[in-house]
Amino acid sequence: MDAITIESEALKLPETQRAILVDHLQESLSTSRVTHLAEHLEESKSRFESYKQGETQSIDGEEFIADLRSKIS
């Protein structure tokens, strides 16, 4: 069975069973990859808290990309 078929079937599962499946799949990943995912999650949480407290501002994604493209062109 290929990954696309498995994903299609998994999406038909009830939410709780999908969550269990996600946990099992994450546990099957290498420890270093899970560590990086955990670090990324912590960084994301930290940045979001900073945003909510008004310490940082958000930037419109489309405007950011347009600005970046104009700088490298």
PDB file of N, CA and C in Angstrom:
ATOM      1  N   MET A   1       0.853  -1.179   0.000  1.00  0.00           N
ATOM      2  CA  MET A   1       0.000   0.000   0.000  1.00  0.00           C
ATOM      3  C   MET A   1       0.899   1.243   0.000  1.00  0.00           C
ATOM      4  N   ASP A   2       0.553   2.231  -0.797  1.00  0.00           N
ATOM      5  CA  ASP A   2       1.370   3.439  -0.842  1.00  0.00           C
ATOM      6  C   ASP A   2       0.875   4.487   0.152  1.00  0.00           C
ATOM      7  N   ALA A   3       1.693   5.511   0.385  1.00  0.00           N
ATOM      8  CA  ALA A   3       1.397   6.528   1.396  1.00  0.00           C
ATOM      9  C   ALA A   3       0.105   7.291   1.095  1.00  0.00           C
ATOM     10  N   ILE A   4      -0.187   7.524  -0.162  1.00  0.00           N
ATOM     11  CA  ILE A   4      -1.398   8.267  -0.523  1.00  0.00           C
ATOM     12  C   ILE A   4      -2.641   7.467  -0.144  1.00  0.00           C
ATOM     13  N   THR A   5      -2.627   6.185  -0.405  1.00  0.00           N
ATOM     14  CA  THR A   5      -3.753   5.319  -0.045  1.00  0.00           C
ATOM     15  C   THR A   5      -3.916   5.245   1.465  1.00  0.00           C
ATOM     16  N   ILE A   6      -2.796   5.088   2.164  1.00  0.00           N
ATOM     17  CA  ILE A   6      -2.847   5.022   3.627  1.00  0.00           C
ATOM     18  C   ILE A   6      -3.402   6.323   4.199  1.00  0.00           C
ATOM     19  N   GLU A   7      -2.925   7.451   3.677  1.00  0.00           N
ATOM     20  CA  GLU A   7      -3.427   8.745   4.157  1.00  0.00           C
ATOM     21  C   GLU A   7      -4.923   8.878   3.907  1.00  0.00           C
ATOM     22  N   SER A   8      -5.359   8.492   2.735  1.00  0.00           N
ATOM     23  CA  SER A   8      -6.775   8.575   2.394  1.00  0.00           C
ATOM     24  C   SER A   8      -7.624   7.748   3.352  1.00  0.00           C
ATOM     25  N   GLU A   9      -7.164   6.550   3.649  1.00  0.00           N
ATOM     26  CA  GLU A   9      -7.891   5.685   4.577  1.00  0.00           C
ATOM     27  C   GLU A   9      -7.831   6.230   6.006  1.00  0.00           C
ATOM     28  N   ALA A  10      -6.675   6.740   6.410  1.00  0.00           N
ATOM     29  CA  ALA A  10      -6.522   7.277   7.766  1.00  0.00           C
ATOM     30  C   ALA A  10      -7.443   8.468   8.001  1.00  0.00           C
ATOM     31  N   LEU A  11      -7.632   9.286   6.979  1.00  0.00           N
ATOM     32  CA  LEU A  11      -8.502  10.453   7.122  1.00  0.00           C
ATOM     33  C   LEU A  11      -9.968  10.078   7.311  1.00  0.00           C
ATOM     34  N   LYS A  12     -10.316   8.845   7.029  1.00  0.00           N
ATOM     35  CA  LYS A  12     -11.681   8.363   7.232  1.00  0.00           C
ATOM     36  C   LYS A  12     -11.931   7.935   8.682  1.00  0.00           C
ATOM     37  N   LEU A  13     -10.851   7.796   9.454  1.00  0.00           N
ATOM     38  CA  LEU A  13     -10.974   7.375  10.856  1.00  0.00           C
ATOM     39  C   LEU A  13     -11.562   8.493  11.713  1.00  0.00           C
ATOM     40  N   PRO A  14     -12.202   8.133  12.815  1.00  0.00           N
ATOM     41  CA  PRO A  14     -12.663   9.157  13.764  1.00  0.00           C
ATOM     42  C   PRO A  14     -11.448   9.920  14.323  1.00  0.00           C
ATOM     43  N   GLU A  15     -11.712  11.118  14.796  1.00  0.00           N
ATOM     44  CA  GLU A  15     -10.637  12.002  15.255  1.00  0.00           C
ATOM     45  C   GLU A  15      -9.740  11.357  16.314  1.00  0.00           C
ATOM     46  N   THR A  16     -10.325  10.687  17.284  1.00  0.00           N
ATOM     47  CA  THR A  16      -9.510  10.091  18.346  1.00  0.00           C
ATOM     48  C   THR A  16      -8.589   9.002  17.803  1.00  0.00           C
ATOM     49  N   GLN A  17      -9.077   8.216  16.860  1.00  0.00           N
ATOM     50  CA  GLN A  17      -8.235   7.172  16.276  1.00  0.00           C
ATOM     51  C   GLN A  17      -7.127   7.776  15.423  1.00  0.00           C
ATOM     52  N   ARG A  18      -7.417   8.893  14.738  1.00  0.00           N
ATOM     53  CA  ARG A  18      -6.375   9.585  13.968  1.00  0.00           C
ATOM     54  C   ARG A  18      -5.304  10.120  14.904  1.00  0.00           C
ATOM     55  N   ALA A  19      -5.716  10.657  16.061  1.00  0.00           N
ATOM     56  CA  ALA A  19      -4.748  11.187  17.034  1.00  0.00           C
ATOM     57  C   ALA A  19      -3.842  10.075  17.550  1.00  0.00           C
ATOM     58  N   ILE A  20      -4.421   8.913  17.822  1.00  0.00           N
ATOM     59  CA  ILE A  20      -3.622   7.774  18.274  1.00  0.00           C
ATOM     60  C   ILE A  20      -2.633   7.360  17.193  1.00  0.00           C
ATOM     61  N   LEU A  21      -3.098   7.335  15.956  1.00  0.00           N
ATOM     62  CA  LEU A  21      -2.237   6.982  14.833  1.00  0.00           C
ATOM     63  C   LEU A  21      -1.083   7.979  14.704  1.00  0.00           C
ATOM     64  N   VAL A  22      -1.374   9.248  14.855  1.00  0.00           N
ATOM     65  CA  VAL A  22      -0.330  10.281  14.793  1.00  0.00           C
ATOM     66  C   VAL A  22       0.719  10.035  15.866  1.00  0.00           C
ATOM     67  N   ASP A  23       0.274   9.749  17.079  1.00  0.00           N
ATOM     68  CA  ASP A  23       1.213   9.466  18.170  1.00  0.00           C
ATOM     69  C   ASP A  23       2.115   8.284  17.833  1.00  0.00           C
ATOM     70  N   HIS A  24       1.527   7.230  17.302  1.00  0.00           N
ATOM     71  CA  HIS A  24       2.309   6.042  16.960  1.00  0.00           C
ATOM     72  C   HIS A  24       3.307   6.348  15.836  1.00  0.00           C
ATOM     73  N   LEU A  25       2.878   7.112  14.867  1.00  0.00           N
ATOM     74  CA  LEU A  25       3.784   7.454  13.762  1.00  0.00           C
ATOM     75  C   LEU A  25       4.929   8.339  14.246  1.00  0.00           C
ATOM     76  N   GLN A  26       4.621   9.301  15.112  1.00  0.00           N
ATOM     77  CA  GLN A  26       5.678  10.171  15.641  1.00  0.00           C
ATOM     78  C   GLN A  26       6.672   9.376  16.458  1.00  0.00           C
ATOM     79  N   GLU A  27       6.189   8.419  17.234  1.00  0.00           N
ATOM     80  CA  GLU A  27       7.081   7.590  18.032  1.00  0.00           C
ATOM     81  C   GLU A  27       8.000   6.749  17.153  1.00  0.00           C
ATOM     82  N   SER A  28       7.550   6.449  15.938  1.00  0.00           N
ATOM     83  CA  SER A  28       8.353   5.621  15.045  1.00  0.00           C
ATOM     84  C   SER A  28       9.466   6.409  14.360  1.00  0.00           C
ATOM     85  N   LEU A  29       9.404   7.734  14.441  1.00  0.00           N
ATOM     86  CA  LEU A  29      10.441   8.565  13.834  1.00  0.00           C
ATOM     87  C   LEU A  29      11.702   8.507  14.675  1.00  0.00           C
ATOM     88  N   SER A  30      12.810   8.858  14.065  1.00  0.00           N
ATOM     89  CA  SER A  30      14.056   8.860  14.822  1.00  0.00           C
ATOM     90  C   SER A  30      13.974   9.883  15.950  1.00  0.00           C
ATOM     91  N   THR A  31      14.687   9.626  17.017  1.00  0.00           N
ATOM     92  CA  THR A  31      14.681  10.499  18.189  1.00  0.00           C
ATOM     93  C   THR A  31      15.116  11.909  17.833  1.00  0.00           C
ATOM     94  N   SER A  32      16.122  12.048  16.983  1.00  0.00           N
ATOM     95  CA  SER A  32      16.610  13.389  16.646  1.00  0.00           C
ATOM     96  C   SER A  32      15.539  14.187  15.913  1.00  0.00           C
ATOM     97  N   ARG A  33      14.785  13.531  15.051  1.00  0.00           N
ATOM     98  CA  ARG A  33      13.726  14.236  14.316  1.00  0.00           C
ATOM     99  C   ARG A  33      12.641  14.694  15.287  1.00  0.00           C
ATOM    100  N   VAL A  34      12.252  13.844  16.208  1.00  0.00           N
ATOM    101  CA  VAL A  34      11.237  14.209  17.193  1.00  0.00           C
ATOM    102  C   VAL A  34      11.743  15.357  18.049  1.00  0.00           C
ATOM    103  N   THR A  35      13.019  15.327  18.416  1.00  0.00           N
ATOM    104  CA  THR A  35      13.606  16.408  19.197  1.00  0.00           C
ATOM    105  C   THR A  35      13.513  17.715  18.440  1.00  0.00           C
ATOM    106  N   HIS A  36      13.829  17.687  17.148  1.00  0.00           N
ATOM    107  CA  HIS A  36      13.746  18.901  16.348  1.00  0.00           C
ATOM    108  C   HIS A  36      12.304  19.399  16.257  1.00  0.00           C
ATOM    109  N   LEU A  37      11.362  18.477  16.125  1.00  0.00           N
ATOM    110  CA  LEU A  37       9.958  18.873  16.081  1.00  0.00           C
ATOM    111  C   LEU A  37       9.538  19.513  17.398  1.00  0.00           C
ATOM    112  N   ALA A  38       9.983  18.945  18.502  1.00  0.00           N
ATOM    113  CA  ALA A  38       9.653  19.498  19.814  1.00  0.00           C
ATOM    114  C   ALA A  38      10.268  20.885  19.984  1.00  0.00           C
ATOM    115  N   GLU A  39      11.511  21.047  19.540  1.00  0.00           N
ATOM    116  CA  GLU A  39      12.165  22.354  19.620  1.00  0.00           C
ATOM    117  C   GLU A  39      11.429  23.373  18.758  1.00  0.00           C
ATOM    118  N   HIS A  40      10.998  22.961  17.582  1.00  0.00           N
ATOM    119  CA  HIS A  40      10.269  23.855  16.687  1.00  0.00           C
ATOM    120  C   HIS A  40       8.942  24.266  17.323  1.00  0.00           C
ATOM    121  N   LEU A  41       8.272  23.326  17.939  1.00  0.00           N
ATOM    122  CA  LEU A  41       7.004  23.620  18.604  1.00  0.00           C
ATOM    123  C   LEU A  41       7.206  24.620  19.731  1.00  0.00           C
ATOM    124  N   GLU A  42       8.243  24.438  20.537  1.00  0.00           N
ATOM    125  CA  GLU A  42       8.525  25.374  21.632  1.00  0.00           C
ATOM    126  C   GLU A  42       8.823  26.764  21.101  1.00  0.00           C
ATOM    127  N   GLU A  43       9.595  26.839  20.026  1.00  0.00           N
ATOM    128  CA  GLU A  43       9.905  28.139  19.421  1.00  0.00           C
ATOM    129  C   GLU A  43       8.636  28.801  18.894  1.00  0.00           C
ATOM    130  N   SER A  44       7.780  28.023  18.273  1.00  0.00           N
ATOM    131  CA  SER A  44       6.516  28.558  17.754  1.00  0.00           C
ATOM    132  C   SER A  44       5.643  29.092  18.876  1.00  0.00           C
ATOM    133  N   LYS A  45       5.555  28.341  19.975  1.00  0.00           N
ATOM    134  CA  LYS A  45       4.767  28.781  21.125  1.00  0.00           C
ATOM    135  C   LYS A  45       5.326  30.075  21.701  1.00  0.00           C
ATOM    136  N   SER A  46       6.638  30.147  21.806  1.00  0.00           N
ATOM    137  CA  SER A  46       7.298  31.336  22.352  1.00  0.00           C
ATOM    138  C   SER A  46       7.017  32.560  21.483  1.00  0.00           C
ATOM    139  N   ARG A  47       7.125  32.386  20.181  1.00  0.00           N
ATOM    140  CA  ARG A  47       6.871  33.511  19.265  1.00  0.00           C
ATOM    141  C   ARG A  47       5.410  33.951  19.321  1.00  0.00           C
ATOM    142  N   PHE A  48       4.491  32.986  19.424  1.00  0.00           N
ATOM    143  CA  PHE A  48       3.071  33.327  19.488  1.00  0.00           C
ATOM    144  C   PHE A  48       2.759  34.086  20.771  1.00  0.00           C
ATOM    145  N   GLU A  49       3.336  33.644  21.889  1.00  0.00           N
ATOM    146  CA  GLU A  49       3.134  34.353  23.159  1.00  0.00           C
ATOM    147  C   GLU A  49       3.667  35.776  23.068  1.00  0.00           C
ATOM    148  N   SER A  50       4.821  35.940  22.451  1.00  0.00           N
ATOM    149  CA  SER A  50       5.410  37.261  22.265  1.00  0.00           C
ATOM    150  C   SER A  50       4.477  38.147  21.439  1.00  0.00           C
ATOM    151  N   TYR A  51       3.883  37.562  20.406  1.00  0.00           N
ATOM    152  CA  TYR A  51       2.933  38.301  19.563  1.00  0.00           C
ATOM    153  C   TYR A  51       1.696  38.699  20.369  1.00  0.00           C
ATOM    154  N   LYS A  52       1.143  37.746  21.134  1.00  0.00           N
ATOM    155  CA  LYS A  52      -0.062  38.031  21.912  1.00  0.00           C
ATOM    156  C   LYS A  52       0.178  39.120  22.953  1.00  0.00           C
ATOM    157  N   GLN A  53       1.384  39.199  23.491  1.00  0.00           N
ATOM    158  CA  GLN A  53       1.700  40.192  24.507  1.00  0.00           C
ATOM    159  C   GLN A  53       2.116  41.529  23.902  1.00  0.00           C
ATOM    160  N   GLY A  54       2.088  41.625  22.574  1.00  0.00           N
ATOM    161  CA  GLY A  54       2.401  42.888  21.906  1.00  0.00           C
ATOM    162  C   GLY A  54       3.885  43.168  21.799  1.00  0.00           C
ATOM    163  N   GLU A  55       4.719  42.174  22.065  1.00  0.00           N
ATOM    164  CA  GLU A  55       6.162  42.363  22.003  1.00  0.00           C
ATOM    165  C   GLU A  55       6.682  42.320  20.567  1.00  0.00           C
ATOM    166  N   THR A  56       5.938  41.653  19.686  1.00  0.00           N
ATOM    167  CA  THR A  56       6.301  41.587  18.272  1.00  0.00           C
ATOM    168  C   THR A  56       5.053  41.854  17.439  1.00  0.00           C
ATOM    169  N   GLN A  57       5.279  42.189  16.178  1.00  0.00           N
ATOM    170  CA  GLN A  57       4.169  42.456  15.266  1.00  0.00           C
ATOM    171  C   GLN A  57       4.133  41.389  14.186  1.00  0.00           C
ATOM    172  N   SER A  58       2.964  41.192  13.638  1.00  0.00           N
ATOM    173  CA  SER A  58       2.838  40.245  12.534  1.00  0.00           C
ATOM    174  C   SER A  58       3.081  40.978  11.214  1.00  0.00           C
ATOM    175  N   ILE A  59       3.455  40.214  10.217  1.00  0.00           N
ATOM    176  CA  ILE A  59       3.679  40.748   8.876  1.00  0.00           C
ATOM    177  C   ILE A  59       2.827  39.933   7.921  1.00  0.00           C
ATOM    178  N   ASP A  60       2.118  40.600   7.041  1.00  0.00           N
ATOM    179  CA  ASP A  60       1.319  39.907   6.040  1.00  0.00           C
ATOM    180  C   ASP A  60       2.234  39.052   5.167  1.00  0.00           C
ATOM    181  N   GLY A  61       1.910  37.778   5.025  1.00  0.00           N
ATOM    182  CA  GLY A  61       2.752  36.852   4.288  1.00  0.00           C
ATOM    183  C   GLY A  61       2.980  37.250   2.843  1.00  0.00           C
ATOM    184  N   GLU A  62       1.923  37.663   2.154  1.00  0.00           N
ATOM    185  CA  GLU A  62       2.051  38.046   0.748  1.00  0.00           C
ATOM    186  C   GLU A  62       2.916  39.289   0.600  1.00  0.00           C
ATOM    187  N   GLU A  63       2.737  40.250   1.503  1.00  0.00           N
ATOM    188  CA  GLU A  63       3.565  41.460   1.456  1.00  0.00           C
ATOM    189  C   GLU A  63       5.030  41.124   1.717  1.00  0.00           C
ATOM    190  N   PHE A  64       5.276  40.227   2.678  1.00  0.00           N
ATOM    191  CA  PHE A  64       6.639  39.823   3.001  1.00  0.00           C
ATOM    192  C   PHE A  64       7.320  39.188   1.797  1.00  0.00           C
ATOM    193  N   ILE A  65       6.624  38.262   1.145  1.00  0.00           N
ATOM    194  CA  ILE A  65       7.194  37.582  -0.024  1.00  0.00           C
ATOM    195  C   ILE A  65       7.457  38.574  -1.150  1.00  0.00           C
ATOM    196  N   ALA A  66       6.521  39.470  -1.391  1.00  0.00           N
ATOM    197  CA  ALA A  66       6.708  40.487  -2.447  1.00  0.00           C
ATOM    198  C   ALA A  66       7.914  41.360  -2.132  1.00  0.00           C
ATOM    199  N   ASP A  67       8.050  41.779  -0.875  1.00  0.00           N
ATOM    200  CA  ASP A  67       9.182  42.606  -0.463  1.00  0.00           C
ATOM    201  C   ASP A  67      10.495  41.841  -0.642  1.00  0.00           C
ATOM    202  N   LEU A  68      10.488  40.596  -0.212  1.00  0.00           N
ATOM    203  CA  LEU A  68      11.689  39.758  -0.333  1.00  0.00           C
ATOM    204  C   LEU A  68      12.076  39.579  -1.794  1.00  0.00           C
ATOM    205  N   ARG A  69      11.099  39.313  -2.632  1.00  0.00           N
ATOM    206  CA  ARG A  69      11.385  39.142  -4.069  1.00  0.00           C
ATOM    207  C   ARG A  69      11.955  40.408  -4.694  1.00  0.00           C
ATOM    208  N   SER A  70      11.426  41.562  -4.283  1.00  0.00           N
ATOM    209  CA  SER A  70      11.932  42.815  -4.844  1.00  0.00           C
ATOM    210  C   SER A  70      13.381  43.064  -4.411  1.00  0.00           C
ATOM    211  N   LYS A  71      13.751  42.595  -3.232  1.00  0.00           N
ATOM    212  CA  LYS A  71      15.110  42.788  -2.727  1.00  0.00           C
ATOM    213  C   LYS A  71      16.111  41.877  -3.416  1.00  0.00           C
ATOM    214  N   ILE A  72      15.685  40.694  -3.838  1.00  0.00           N
ATOM    215  CA  ILE A  72      16.636  39.771  -4.457  1.00  0.00           C
ATOM    216  C   ILE A  72      16.617  39.816  -5.983  1.00  0.00           C
ATOM    217  N   SER A  73      15.729  40.615  -6.534  1.00  0.00           N
ATOM    218  CA  SER A  73      15.649  40.715  -8.011  1.00  0.00           C
ATOM    219  C   SER A  73      16.678  41.659  -8.559  1.00  0.00           C
TER     220      SER A  73
END
